[in-house]
Amino acid sequence: MLEVERNIIFNKAGGNAGKTSYSYKLSLPADAIEALGATPEDRGVIMRIEEGKIIIEKA
């Protein structure tokens, strides 16, 4: 099992978004993407939140 600690990236949303709006990103290591089997052509994933955990699976 691969386990890494990451920080969430907070960006102020632009355009017509409210002044307190943010967008969020999370950087994933290349090994994790390769383990999912994702490619630039086949990049669909299913994300769900269960019991305080974010779970990402290949679509």
N, C-alpha and C. Protein backbone atom coordinates (compact mmCIF):
# COMPACT_ATOMS: atom_id res chain seq x y z
N MET A 1 0.85 -1.18 0.00
CA MET A 1 0.00 0.00 0.00
C MET A 1 0.89 1.23 0.00
N LEU A 2 0.57 2.18 -0.86
CA LEU A 2 1.30 3.43 -0.96
C LEU A 2 0.64 4.47 -0.06
N GLU A 3 1.42 5.08 0.81
CA GLU A 3 0.88 6.11 1.69
C GLU A 3 1.82 7.31 1.68
N VAL A 4 1.28 8.47 1.32
CA VAL A 4 2.06 9.71 1.30
C VAL A 4 1.25 10.81 1.96
N GLU A 5 1.95 11.77 2.53
CA GLU A 5 1.27 12.92 3.13
C GLU A 5 1.31 14.06 2.14
N ARG A 6 0.18 14.71 1.91
CA ARG A 6 0.07 15.80 0.96
C ARG A 6 -0.67 16.97 1.60
N ASN A 7 -0.47 18.16 1.04
CA ASN A 7 -1.23 19.33 1.44
C ASN A 7 -2.26 19.65 0.36
N ILE A 8 -3.39 20.16 0.75
CA ILE A 8 -4.41 20.60 -0.19
C ILE A 8 -4.02 21.99 -0.67
N ILE A 9 -4.13 22.23 -1.98
CA ILE A 9 -3.81 23.52 -2.57
C ILE A 9 -5.10 24.33 -2.62
N PHE A 10 -5.09 25.51 -2.00
CA PHE A 10 -6.24 26.41 -1.99
C PHE A 10 -5.96 27.55 -2.96
N ASN A 11 -6.87 27.78 -3.91
CA ASN A 11 -6.76 28.89 -4.86
C ASN A 11 -8.02 29.71 -4.79
N LYS A 12 -7.85 31.03 -4.78
CA LYS A 12 -9.03 31.89 -4.84
C LYS A 12 -9.66 31.72 -6.21
N ALA A 13 -10.96 31.48 -6.22
CA ALA A 13 -11.68 31.31 -7.48
C ALA A 13 -11.80 32.66 -8.16
N GLY A 14 -11.75 32.66 -9.48
CA GLY A 14 -11.83 33.90 -10.23
C GLY A 14 -13.17 34.04 -10.93
N GLY A 15 -13.22 34.95 -11.87
CA GLY A 15 -14.44 35.15 -12.65
C GLY A 15 -15.56 35.73 -11.82
N ASN A 16 -16.75 35.16 -11.94
CA ASN A 16 -17.92 35.67 -11.23
C ASN A 16 -18.12 35.03 -9.87
N ALA A 17 -17.13 34.29 -9.40
CA ALA A 17 -17.24 33.63 -8.10
C ALA A 17 -17.25 34.67 -6.98
N GLY A 18 -17.81 34.30 -5.86
CA GLY A 18 -17.86 35.20 -4.71
C GLY A 18 -16.47 35.49 -4.15
N LYS A 19 -16.38 36.54 -3.36
CA LYS A 19 -15.08 36.96 -2.83
C LYS A 19 -14.49 35.95 -1.86
N THR A 20 -15.31 35.10 -1.27
CA THR A 20 -14.79 34.10 -0.33
C THR A 20 -14.73 32.70 -0.96
N SER A 21 -14.88 32.62 -2.29
CA SER A 21 -14.88 31.32 -2.98
C SER A 21 -13.46 30.83 -3.23
N TYR A 22 -13.27 29.54 -3.09
CA TYR A 22 -11.99 28.91 -3.35
C TYR A 22 -12.19 27.71 -4.25
N SER A 23 -11.14 27.34 -4.97
CA SER A 23 -11.08 26.04 -5.64
C SER A 23 -9.97 25.26 -4.95
N TYR A 24 -10.04 23.95 -5.02
CA TYR A 24 -9.12 23.10 -4.27
C TYR A 24 -8.50 22.07 -5.19
N LYS A 25 -7.23 21.76 -4.96
CA LYS A 25 -6.53 20.74 -5.74
C LYS A 25 -5.70 19.89 -4.80
N LEU A 26 -5.44 18.68 -5.25
CA LEU A 26 -4.61 17.76 -4.49
C LEU A 26 -3.68 17.07 -5.48
N SER A 27 -2.40 17.20 -5.27
CA SER A 27 -1.40 16.60 -6.15
C SER A 27 -1.23 15.12 -5.78
N LEU A 28 -1.32 14.26 -6.79
CA LEU A 28 -1.15 12.82 -6.58
C LEU A 28 0.17 12.38 -7.19
N PRO A 29 0.90 11.48 -6.52
CA PRO A 29 2.16 11.01 -7.08
C PRO A 29 1.94 10.17 -8.34
N ALA A 30 2.92 10.20 -9.23
CA ALA A 30 2.82 9.46 -10.49
C ALA A 30 2.59 7.97 -10.24
N ASP A 31 3.21 7.42 -9.20
CA ASP A 31 3.02 6.00 -8.89
C ASP A 31 1.56 5.68 -8.61
N ALA A 32 0.84 6.58 -7.96
CA ALA A 32 -0.57 6.36 -7.65
C ALA A 32 -1.41 6.36 -8.93
N ILE A 33 -1.11 7.27 -9.84
CA ILE A 33 -1.85 7.34 -11.11
C ILE A 33 -1.58 6.10 -11.94
N GLU A 34 -0.33 5.67 -11.97
CA GLU A 34 0.02 4.45 -12.71
C GLU A 34 -0.65 3.23 -12.10
N ALA A 35 -0.74 3.17 -10.78
CA ALA A 35 -1.40 2.04 -10.10
C ALA A 35 -2.89 1.98 -10.45
N LEU A 36 -3.51 3.14 -10.68
CA LEU A 36 -4.91 3.17 -11.10
C LEU A 36 -5.08 2.70 -12.54
N GLY A 37 -4.02 2.81 -13.33
CA GLY A 37 -4.11 2.46 -14.74
C GLY A 37 -4.64 3.60 -15.59
N ALA A 38 -4.58 4.82 -15.07
CA ALA A 38 -5.06 5.98 -15.81
C ALA A 38 -4.03 6.40 -16.85
N THR A 39 -4.52 6.83 -18.01
CA THR A 39 -3.67 7.35 -19.09
C THR A 39 -4.30 8.65 -19.58
N PRO A 40 -3.56 9.44 -20.37
CA PRO A 40 -4.17 10.67 -20.91
C PRO A 40 -5.43 10.39 -21.74
N GLU A 41 -5.49 9.23 -22.37
CA GLU A 41 -6.66 8.88 -23.19
C GLU A 41 -7.78 8.27 -22.36
N ASP A 42 -7.46 7.63 -21.25
CA ASP A 42 -8.44 6.94 -20.41
C ASP A 42 -8.25 7.40 -18.97
N ARG A 43 -8.76 8.58 -18.67
CA ARG A 43 -8.46 9.22 -17.38
C ARG A 43 -9.65 9.33 -16.44
N GLY A 44 -10.75 8.70 -16.77
CA GLY A 44 -11.95 8.77 -15.93
C GLY A 44 -11.77 8.04 -14.61
N VAL A 45 -12.22 8.68 -13.54
CA VAL A 45 -12.17 8.07 -12.21
C VAL A 45 -13.50 8.31 -11.51
N ILE A 46 -13.75 7.52 -10.49
CA ILE A 46 -14.90 7.70 -9.62
C ILE A 46 -14.36 8.07 -8.25
N MET A 47 -14.85 9.17 -7.69
CA MET A 47 -14.40 9.62 -6.38
C MET A 47 -15.59 9.63 -5.44
N ARG A 48 -15.39 9.09 -4.24
CA ARG A 48 -16.45 9.13 -3.24
C ARG A 48 -15.82 9.40 -1.88
N ILE A 49 -16.64 9.86 -0.98
CA ILE A 49 -16.19 10.14 0.39
C ILE A 49 -16.95 9.21 1.31
N GLU A 50 -16.22 8.43 2.09
CA GLU A 50 -16.80 7.49 3.05
C GLU A 50 -16.08 7.62 4.38
N GLU A 51 -16.81 7.89 5.41
CA GLU A 51 -16.28 7.95 6.77
C GLU A 51 -15.03 8.81 6.86
N GLY A 52 -15.08 9.99 6.23
CA GLY A 52 -13.97 10.93 6.31
C GLY A 52 -12.79 10.60 5.41
N LYS A 53 -12.96 9.66 4.48
CA LYS A 53 -11.89 9.27 3.56
C LYS A 53 -12.32 9.54 2.13
N ILE A 54 -11.38 10.02 1.32
CA ILE A 54 -11.62 10.19 -0.11
C ILE A 54 -11.12 8.93 -0.80
N ILE A 55 -11.99 8.29 -1.55
CA ILE A 55 -11.64 7.05 -2.25
C ILE A 55 -11.74 7.32 -3.75
N ILE A 56 -10.65 7.03 -4.47
CA ILE A 56 -10.59 7.24 -5.92
C ILE A 56 -10.39 5.89 -6.58
N GLU A 57 -11.29 5.56 -7.53
CA GLU A 57 -11.21 4.30 -8.27
C GLU A 57 -11.27 4.60 -9.76
N LYS A 58 -10.68 3.73 -10.54
CA LYS A 58 -10.75 3.86 -11.99
C LYS A 58 -12.18 3.63 -12.43
N ALA A 59 -12.67 4.47 -13.34
CA ALA A 59 -14.05 4.35 -13.84
C ALA A 59 -14.18 3.17 -14.78
